[in-house]
Structures are given as structure tokens and as C-alpha cells.
Amino acid sequence: MTIMHVACAEAEQFLQAYADRVLTIDEIHAVERHLAVCPHCARCYQFETEVRAQLKRVCDEPCPESLKVRLRNLCAECDCE
């Protein structure tokens, strides 16, 4: 889908794909042009990138041993298979 003139609703649909860098070059340029002139969508994109950065930071931290023990105990108590 080519987005030459991106409205906010359309731009918001592309923000995750834009953050993932999976759009075509034309789509990337169209989203970037829209973000440059639309404070609302720029904030949405900033929020998306901040959430991703926080998730990456949290996922990079080692899991505390106490949490590992609790998870093992929960798995041992689970009767589902």
C-alpha cells in the first residue's frame, strides 16, 4: 500500500511498521513527512519508541534468582499439560 499523502488515521496504522523498519522507502518517506508536520502522530511515534526502549532495557536485565524459584514453583504446581 502506497501512502503518498498520509492522514493521521493512516499514519497511526503504519507507526509500528515504521518503528520496525518494514515499510517500503516511499512509505517511510510519507510517514516521515507526516511526522514532521503532525505533533499528535509525532507524540504517538515517540511513545512507541519509548515503550520499545523500556521493554528492551527490562528484557536485558538478568532475572533475579528469587523470581526464577517462584516461576519454577508455579510450573511445578501447575496441573496443565
PDB file of N, CA and C in Angstrom:
ATOM      1  N   MET A   1       0.848  -1.182   0.000  1.00  0.00           N
ATOM      2  CA  MET A   1       0.000   0.000   0.000  1.00  0.00           C
ATOM      3  C   MET A   1       0.887   1.236   0.000  1.00  0.00           C
ATOM      4  N   THR A   2       0.683   2.111  -0.929  1.00  0.00           N
ATOM      5  CA  THR A   2       1.470   3.332  -1.001  1.00  0.00           C
ATOM      6  C   THR A   2       0.733   4.436  -0.257  1.00  0.00           C
ATOM      7  N   ILE A   3       1.476   5.172   0.563  1.00  0.00           N
ATOM      8  CA  ILE A   3       0.874   6.287   1.293  1.00  0.00           C
ATOM      9  C   ILE A   3       1.606   7.560   0.915  1.00  0.00           C
ATOM     10  N   MET A   4       1.103   8.237  -0.067  1.00  0.00           N
ATOM     11  CA  MET A   4       1.754   9.451  -0.533  1.00  0.00           C
ATOM     12  C   MET A   4       1.319  10.642   0.312  1.00  0.00           C
ATOM     13  N   HIS A   5       0.057  10.753   0.626  1.00  0.00           N
ATOM     14  CA  HIS A   5      -0.462  11.814   1.475  1.00  0.00           C
ATOM     15  C   HIS A   5      -1.121  11.139   2.673  1.00  0.00           C
ATOM     16  N   VAL A   6      -0.418  11.113   3.773  1.00  0.00           N
ATOM     17  CA  VAL A   6      -0.841  10.320   4.911  1.00  0.00           C
ATOM     18  C   VAL A   6      -1.692  11.140   5.862  1.00  0.00           C
ATOM     19  N   ALA A   7      -2.898  10.702   6.109  1.00  0.00           N
ATOM     20  CA  ALA A   7      -3.750  11.299   7.133  1.00  0.00           C
ATOM     21  C   ALA A   7      -3.376  10.666   8.469  1.00  0.00           C
ATOM     22  N   CYS A   8      -3.773  11.303   9.550  1.00  0.00           N
ATOM     23  CA  CYS A   8      -3.405  10.799  10.882  1.00  0.00           C
ATOM     24  C   CYS A   8      -3.817   9.346  11.093  1.00  0.00           C
ATOM     25  N   ALA A   9      -5.040   9.003  10.749  1.00  0.00           N
ATOM     26  CA  ALA A   9      -5.511   7.625  10.961  1.00  0.00           C
ATOM     27  C   ALA A   9      -4.644   6.634  10.189  1.00  0.00           C
ATOM     28  N   GLU A  10      -4.284   6.982   8.971  1.00  0.00           N
ATOM     29  CA  GLU A  10      -3.434   6.110   8.171  1.00  0.00           C
ATOM     30  C   GLU A  10      -2.023   6.054   8.754  1.00  0.00           C
ATOM     31  N   ALA A  11      -1.501   7.207   9.165  1.00  0.00           N
ATOM     32  CA  ALA A  11      -0.145   7.253   9.718  1.00  0.00           C
ATOM     33  C   ALA A  11      -0.054   6.396  10.971  1.00  0.00           C
ATOM     34  N   GLU A  12      -1.071   6.485  11.835  1.00  0.00           N
ATOM     35  CA  GLU A  12      -1.047   5.703  13.067  1.00  0.00           C
ATOM     36  C   GLU A  12      -1.024   4.202  12.786  1.00  0.00           C
ATOM     37  N   GLN A  13      -1.655   3.788  11.704  1.00  0.00           N
ATOM     38  CA  GLN A  13      -1.633   2.370  11.331  1.00  0.00           C
ATOM     39  C   GLN A  13      -0.238   1.909  10.932  1.00  0.00           C
ATOM     40  N   PHE A  14       0.598   2.839  10.485  1.00  0.00           N
ATOM     41  CA  PHE A  14       1.926   2.495   9.996  1.00  0.00           C
ATOM     42  C   PHE A  14       3.031   2.699  11.030  1.00  0.00           C
ATOM     43  N   LEU A  15       2.703   3.251  12.215  1.00  0.00           N
ATOM     44  CA  LEU A  15       3.758   3.597  13.170  1.00  0.00           C
ATOM     45  C   LEU A  15       4.554   2.386  13.632  1.00  0.00           C
ATOM     46  N   GLN A  16       3.890   1.277  13.941  1.00  0.00           N
ATOM     47  CA  GLN A  16       4.644   0.099  14.383  1.00  0.00           C
ATOM     48  C   GLN A  16       5.502  -0.458  13.260  1.00  0.00           C
ATOM     49  N   ALA A  17       4.951  -0.523  12.073  1.00  0.00           N
ATOM     50  CA  ALA A  17       5.741  -0.998  10.931  1.00  0.00           C
ATOM     51  C   ALA A  17       6.899  -0.046  10.643  1.00  0.00           C
ATOM     52  N   TYR A  18       6.661   1.249  10.834  1.00  0.00           N
ATOM     53  CA  TYR A  18       7.721   2.246  10.651  1.00  0.00           C
ATOM     54  C   TYR A  18       8.819   2.030  11.692  1.00  0.00           C
ATOM     55  N   ALA A  19       8.416   1.809  12.946  1.00  0.00           N
ATOM     56  CA  ALA A  19       9.397   1.566  14.009  1.00  0.00           C
ATOM     57  C   ALA A  19      10.171   0.272  13.757  1.00  0.00           C
ATOM     58  N   ASP A  20       9.505  -0.706  13.154  1.00  0.00           N
ATOM     59  CA  ASP A  20      10.159  -1.984  12.834  1.00  0.00           C
ATOM     60  C   ASP A  20      10.997  -1.898  11.571  1.00  0.00           C
ATOM     61  N   ARG A  21      10.877  -0.793  10.855  1.00  0.00           N
ATOM     62  CA  ARG A  21      11.599  -0.581   9.597  1.00  0.00           C
ATOM     63  C   ARG A  21      11.247  -1.640   8.551  1.00  0.00           C
ATOM     64  N   VAL A  22       9.931  -1.908   8.405  1.00  0.00           N
ATOM     65  CA  VAL A  22       9.491  -2.896   7.432  1.00  0.00           C
ATOM     66  C   VAL A  22       8.641  -2.282   6.314  1.00  0.00           C
ATOM     67  N   LEU A  23       8.634  -0.958   6.229  1.00  0.00           N
ATOM     68  CA  LEU A  23       7.895  -0.283   5.167  1.00  0.00           C
ATOM     69  C   LEU A  23       8.781  -0.107   3.935  1.00  0.00           C
ATOM     70  N   THR A  24       8.133   0.161   2.825  1.00  0.00           N
ATOM     71  CA  THR A  24       8.903   0.496   1.624  1.00  0.00           C
ATOM     72  C   THR A  24       9.514   1.880   1.808  1.00  0.00           C
ATOM     73  N   ILE A  25      10.453   2.221   0.989  1.00  0.00           N
ATOM     74  CA  ILE A  25      11.112   3.526   1.093  1.00  0.00           C
ATOM     75  C   ILE A  25      10.109   4.660   0.877  1.00  0.00           C
ATOM     76  N   ASP A  26       9.173   4.476  -0.050  1.00  0.00           N
ATOM     77  CA  ASP A  26       8.147   5.502  -0.275  1.00  0.00           C
ATOM     78  C   ASP A  26       7.250   5.658   0.944  1.00  0.00           C
ATOM     79  N   GLU A  27       6.882   4.546   1.574  1.00  0.00           N
ATOM     80  CA  GLU A  27       6.057   4.603   2.772  1.00  0.00           C
ATOM     81  C   GLU A  27       6.809   5.267   3.931  1.00  0.00           C
ATOM     82  N   ILE A  28       8.083   4.933   4.063  1.00  0.00           N
ATOM     83  CA  ILE A  28       8.911   5.552   5.111  1.00  0.00           C
ATOM     84  C   ILE A  28       8.948   7.063   4.923  1.00  0.00           C
ATOM     85  N   HIS A  29       9.183   7.514   3.704  1.00  0.00           N
ATOM     86  CA  HIS A  29       9.254   8.948   3.424  1.00  0.00           C
ATOM     87  C   HIS A  29       7.918   9.624   3.708  1.00  0.00           C
ATOM     88  N   ALA A  30       6.818   8.963   3.336  1.00  0.00           N
ATOM     89  CA  ALA A  30       5.495   9.543   3.564  1.00  0.00           C
ATOM     90  C   ALA A  30       5.218   9.673   5.060  1.00  0.00           C
ATOM     91  N   VAL A  31       5.547   8.648   5.826  1.00  0.00           N
ATOM     92  CA  VAL A  31       5.343   8.704   7.280  1.00  0.00           C
ATOM     93  C   VAL A  31       6.230   9.787   7.880  1.00  0.00           C
ATOM     94  N   GLU A  32       7.476   9.858   7.464  1.00  0.00           N
ATOM     95  CA  GLU A  32       8.391  10.877   7.990  1.00  0.00           C
ATOM     96  C   GLU A  32       7.898  12.291   7.679  1.00  0.00           C
ATOM     97  N   ARG A  33       7.365  12.485   6.474  1.00  0.00           N
ATOM     98  CA  ARG A  33       6.816  13.804   6.140  1.00  0.00           C
ATOM     99  C   ARG A  33       5.634  14.129   7.054  1.00  0.00           C
ATOM    100  N   HIS A  34       4.797  13.142   7.301  1.00  0.00           N
ATOM    101  CA  HIS A  34       3.640  13.362   8.166  1.00  0.00           C
ATOM    102  C   HIS A  34       4.089  13.647   9.598  1.00  0.00           C
ATOM    103  N   LEU A  35       5.025  12.876  10.098  1.00  0.00           N
ATOM    104  CA  LEU A  35       5.503  13.083  11.472  1.00  0.00           C
ATOM    105  C   LEU A  35       6.126  14.469  11.638  1.00  0.00           C
ATOM    106  N   ALA A  36       6.717  14.984  10.595  1.00  0.00           N
ATOM    107  CA  ALA A  36       7.364  16.296  10.658  1.00  0.00           C
ATOM    108  C   ALA A  36       6.362  17.436  10.814  1.00  0.00           C
ATOM    109  N   VAL A  37       5.119  17.214  10.399  1.00  0.00           N
ATOM    110  CA  VAL A  37       4.129  18.296  10.454  1.00  0.00           C
ATOM    111  C   VAL A  37       2.962  18.011  11.393  1.00  0.00           C
ATOM    112  N   CYS A  38       2.931  16.833  12.008  1.00  0.00           N
ATOM    113  CA  CYS A  38       1.797  16.454  12.859  1.00  0.00           C
ATOM    114  C   CYS A  38       2.287  16.148  14.269  1.00  0.00           C
ATOM    115  N   PRO A  39       2.126  17.077  15.202  1.00  0.00           N
ATOM    116  CA  PRO A  39       2.592  16.851  16.571  1.00  0.00           C
ATOM    117  C   PRO A  39       1.926  15.649  17.250  1.00  0.00           C
ATOM    118  N   HIS A  40       0.651  15.415  16.956  1.00  0.00           N
ATOM    119  CA  HIS A  40      -0.052  14.278  17.563  1.00  0.00           C
ATOM    120  C   HIS A  40       0.602  12.950  17.166  1.00  0.00           C
ATOM    121  N   CYS A  41       0.793  12.753  15.888  1.00  0.00           N
ATOM    122  CA  CYS A  41       1.395  11.498  15.415  1.00  0.00           C
ATOM    123  C   CYS A  41       2.853  11.393  15.842  1.00  0.00           C
ATOM    124  N   ALA A  42       3.550  12.523  15.886  1.00  0.00           N
ATOM    125  CA  ALA A  42       4.942  12.508  16.349  1.00  0.00           C
ATOM    126  C   ALA A  42       5.002  12.046  17.809  1.00  0.00           C
ATOM    127  N   ARG A  43       4.045  12.492  18.633  1.00  0.00           N
ATOM    128  CA  ARG A  43       3.994  12.041  20.033  1.00  0.00           C
ATOM    129  C   ARG A  43       3.681  10.547  20.107  1.00  0.00           C
ATOM    130  N   CYS A  44       2.767  10.088  19.272  1.00  0.00           N
ATOM    131  CA  CYS A  44       2.442   8.649  19.242  1.00  0.00           C
ATOM    132  C   CYS A  44       3.681   7.830  18.878  1.00  0.00           C
ATOM    133  N   TYR A  45       4.424   8.295  17.899  1.00  0.00           N
ATOM    134  CA  TYR A  45       5.636   7.584  17.492  1.00  0.00           C
ATOM    135  C   TYR A  45       6.676   7.630  18.606  1.00  0.00           C
ATOM    136  N   GLN A  46       6.819   8.779  19.243  1.00  0.00           N
ATOM    137  CA  GLN A  46       7.764   8.896  20.353  1.00  0.00           C
ATOM    138  C   GLN A  46       7.378   7.940  21.478  1.00  0.00           C
ATOM    139  N   PHE A  47       6.085   7.856  21.783  1.00  0.00           N
ATOM    140  CA  PHE A  47       5.613   6.930  22.806  1.00  0.00           C
ATOM    141  C   PHE A  47       5.963   5.489  22.421  1.00  0.00           C
ATOM    142  N   GLU A  48       5.712   5.142  21.176  1.00  0.00           N
ATOM    143  CA  GLU A  48       6.016   3.784  20.692  1.00  0.00           C
ATOM    144  C   GLU A  48       7.495   3.460  20.863  1.00  0.00           C
ATOM    145  N   THR A  49       8.361   4.378  20.491  1.00  0.00           N
ATOM    146  CA  THR A  49       9.797   4.118  20.601  1.00  0.00           C
ATOM    147  C   THR A  49      10.239   4.066  22.062  1.00  0.00           C
ATOM    148  N   GLU A  50       9.623   4.882  22.921  1.00  0.00           N
ATOM    149  CA  GLU A  50       9.977   4.840  24.340  1.00  0.00           C
ATOM    150  C   GLU A  50       9.536   3.522  24.987  1.00  0.00           C
ATOM    151  N   VAL A  51       8.356   3.048  24.639  1.00  0.00           N
ATOM    152  CA  VAL A  51       7.888   1.756  25.157  1.00  0.00           C
ATOM    153  C   VAL A  51       8.839   0.647  24.714  1.00  0.00           C
ATOM    154  N   ARG A  52       9.220   0.665  23.461  1.00  0.00           N
ATOM    155  CA  ARG A  52      10.141  -0.359  22.954  1.00  0.00           C
ATOM    156  C   ARG A  52      11.487  -0.303  23.674  1.00  0.00           C
ATOM    157  N   ALA A  53      11.991   0.907  23.916  1.00  0.00           N
ATOM    158  CA  ALA A  53      13.281   1.053  24.598  1.00  0.00           C
ATOM    159  C   ALA A  53      13.189   0.529  26.034  1.00  0.00           C
ATOM    160  N   GLN A  54      12.087   0.830  26.718  1.00  0.00           N
ATOM    161  CA  GLN A  54      11.917   0.353  28.090  1.00  0.00           C
ATOM    162  C   GLN A  54      11.803  -1.166  28.120  1.00  0.00           C
ATOM    163  N   LEU A  55      11.046  -1.740  27.185  1.00  0.00           N
ATOM    164  CA  LEU A  55      10.929  -3.201  27.127  1.00  0.00           C
ATOM    165  C   LEU A  55      12.279  -3.850  26.863  1.00  0.00           C
ATOM    166  N   LYS A  56      13.046  -3.259  25.958  1.00  0.00           N
ATOM    167  CA  LYS A  56      14.371  -3.809  25.667  1.00  0.00           C
ATOM    168  C   LYS A  56      15.256  -3.744  26.904  1.00  0.00           C
ATOM    169  N   ARG A  57      15.204  -2.611  27.616  1.00  0.00           N
ATOM    170  CA  ARG A  57      16.014  -2.452  28.820  1.00  0.00           C
ATOM    171  C   ARG A  57      15.615  -3.494  29.864  1.00  0.00           C
ATOM    172  N   VAL A  58      14.333  -3.678  30.070  1.00  0.00           N
ATOM    173  CA  VAL A  58      13.855  -4.637  31.066  1.00  0.00           C
ATOM    174  C   VAL A  58      14.231  -6.063  30.658  1.00  0.00           C
ATOM    175  N   CYS A  59      14.113  -6.349  29.380  1.00  0.00           N
ATOM    176  CA  CYS A  59      14.427  -7.705  28.910  1.00  0.00           C
ATOM    177  C   CYS A  59      15.923  -7.995  28.974  1.00  0.00           C
ATOM    178  N   ASP A  60      16.745  -6.967  28.944  1.00  0.00           N
ATOM    179  CA  ASP A  60      18.192  -7.155  29.019  1.00  0.00           C
ATOM    180  C   ASP A  60      18.685  -7.369  30.447  1.00  0.00           C
ATOM    181  N   GLU A  61      17.861  -7.011  31.436  1.00  0.00           N
ATOM    182  CA  GLU A  61      18.270  -7.175  32.825  1.00  0.00           C
ATOM    183  C   GLU A  61      18.189  -8.646  33.201  1.00  0.00           C
ATOM    184  N   PRO A  62      19.139  -9.145  33.996  1.00  0.00           N
ATOM    185  CA  PRO A  62      19.086 -10.544  34.402  1.00  0.00           C
ATOM    186  C   PRO A  62      17.891 -10.795  35.327  1.00  0.00           C
ATOM    187  N   CYS A  63      17.357 -11.973  35.219  1.00  0.00           N
ATOM    188  CA  CYS A  63      16.222 -12.376  36.047  1.00  0.00           C
ATOM    189  C   CYS A  63      16.730 -12.710  37.450  1.00  0.00           C
ATOM    190  N   PRO A  64      16.132 -12.099  38.483  1.00  0.00           N
ATOM    191  CA  PRO A  64      16.575 -12.404  39.850  1.00  0.00           C
ATOM    192  C   PRO A  64      16.327 -13.874  40.194  1.00  0.00           C
ATOM    193  N   GLU A  65      17.228 -14.448  40.960  1.00  0.00           N
ATOM    194  CA  GLU A  65      17.097 -15.857  41.332  1.00  0.00           C
ATOM    195  C   GLU A  65      15.780 -16.122  42.059  1.00  0.00           C
ATOM    196  N   SER A  66      15.348 -15.188  42.896  1.00  0.00           N
ATOM    197  CA  SER A  66      14.087 -15.376  43.624  1.00  0.00           C
ATOM    198  C   SER A  66      12.902 -15.506  42.668  1.00  0.00           C
ATOM    199  N   LEU A  67      12.916 -14.758  41.575  1.00  0.00           N
ATOM    200  CA  LEU A  67      11.844 -14.872  40.589  1.00  0.00           C
ATOM    201  C   LEU A  67      11.920 -16.207  39.867  1.00  0.00           C
ATOM    202  N   LYS A  68      13.122 -16.656  39.560  1.00  0.00           N
ATOM    203  CA  LYS A  68      13.282 -17.965  38.913  1.00  0.00           C
ATOM    204  C   LYS A  68      12.709 -19.070  39.787  1.00  0.00           C
ATOM    205  N   VAL A  69      12.982 -19.001  41.091  1.00  0.00           N
ATOM    206  CA  VAL A  69      12.466 -20.013  42.024  1.00  0.00           C
ATOM    207  C   VAL A  69      10.937 -19.967  42.048  1.00  0.00           C
ATOM    208  N   ARG A  70      10.370 -18.771  42.131  1.00  0.00           N
ATOM    209  CA  ARG A  70       8.908 -18.640  42.143  1.00  0.00           C
ATOM    210  C   ARG A  70       8.290 -19.197  40.869  1.00  0.00           C
ATOM    211  N   LEU A  71       8.910 -18.910  39.726  1.00  0.00           N
ATOM    212  CA  LEU A  71       8.393 -19.421  38.454  1.00  0.00           C
ATOM    213  C   LEU A  71       8.491 -20.940  38.381  1.00  0.00           C
ATOM    214  N   ARG A  72       9.610 -21.490  38.853  1.00  0.00           N
ATOM    215  CA  ARG A  72       9.748 -22.955  38.877  1.00  0.00           C
ATOM    216  C   ARG A  72       8.671 -23.579  39.753  1.00  0.00           C
ATOM    217  N   ASN A  73       8.426 -22.971  40.919  1.00  0.00           N
ATOM    218  CA  ASN A  73       7.403 -23.489  41.827  1.00  0.00           C
ATOM    219  C   ASN A  73       6.014 -23.411  41.192  1.00  0.00           C
ATOM    220  N   LEU A  74       5.738 -22.328  40.516  1.00  0.00           N
ATOM    221  CA  LEU A  74       4.437 -22.212  39.831  1.00  0.00           C
ATOM    222  C   LEU A  74       4.299 -23.286  38.755  1.00  0.00           C
ATOM    223  N   CYS A  75       5.361 -23.517  38.021  1.00  0.00           N
ATOM    224  CA  CYS A  75       5.318 -24.545  36.967  1.00  0.00           C
ATOM    225  C   CYS A  75       5.137 -25.921  37.579  1.00  0.00           C
ATOM    226  N   ALA A  76       5.792 -26.180  38.705  1.00  0.00           N
ATOM    227  CA  ALA A  76       5.682 -27.483  39.359  1.00  0.00           C
ATOM    228  C   ALA A  76       4.270 -27.707  39.888  1.00  0.00           C
ATOM    229  N   GLU A  77       3.612 -26.631  40.319  1.00  0.00           N
ATOM    230  CA  GLU A  77       2.261 -26.747  40.867  1.00  0.00           C
ATOM    231  C   GLU A  77       1.197 -26.814  39.783  1.00  0.00           C
ATOM    232  N   CYS A  78       1.524 -26.439  38.597  1.00  0.00           N
ATOM    233  CA  CYS A  78       0.558 -26.405  37.510  1.00  0.00           C
ATOM    234  C   CYS A  78       0.199 -27.823  37.076  1.00  0.00           C
ATOM    235  N   ASP A  79      -1.109 -28.082  36.961  1.00  0.00           N
ATOM    236  CA  ASP A  79      -1.533 -29.424  36.553  1.00  0.00           C
ATOM    237  C   ASP A  79      -1.956 -29.460  35.090  1.00  0.00           C
ATOM    238  N   CYS A  80      -1.664 -28.404  34.355  1.00  0.00           N
ATOM    239  CA  CYS A  80      -1.982 -28.400  32.931  1.00  0.00           C
ATOM    240  C   CYS A  80      -0.808 -28.965  32.146  1.00  0.00           C
ATOM    241  N   GLU A  81      -1.111 -29.524  31.029  1.00  0.00           N
ATOM    242  CA  GLU A  81      -0.036 -30.080  30.209  1.00  0.00           C
ATOM    243  C   GLU A  81      -0.133 -29.665  28.798  1.00  0.00           C
TER     244      GLU A  81
END
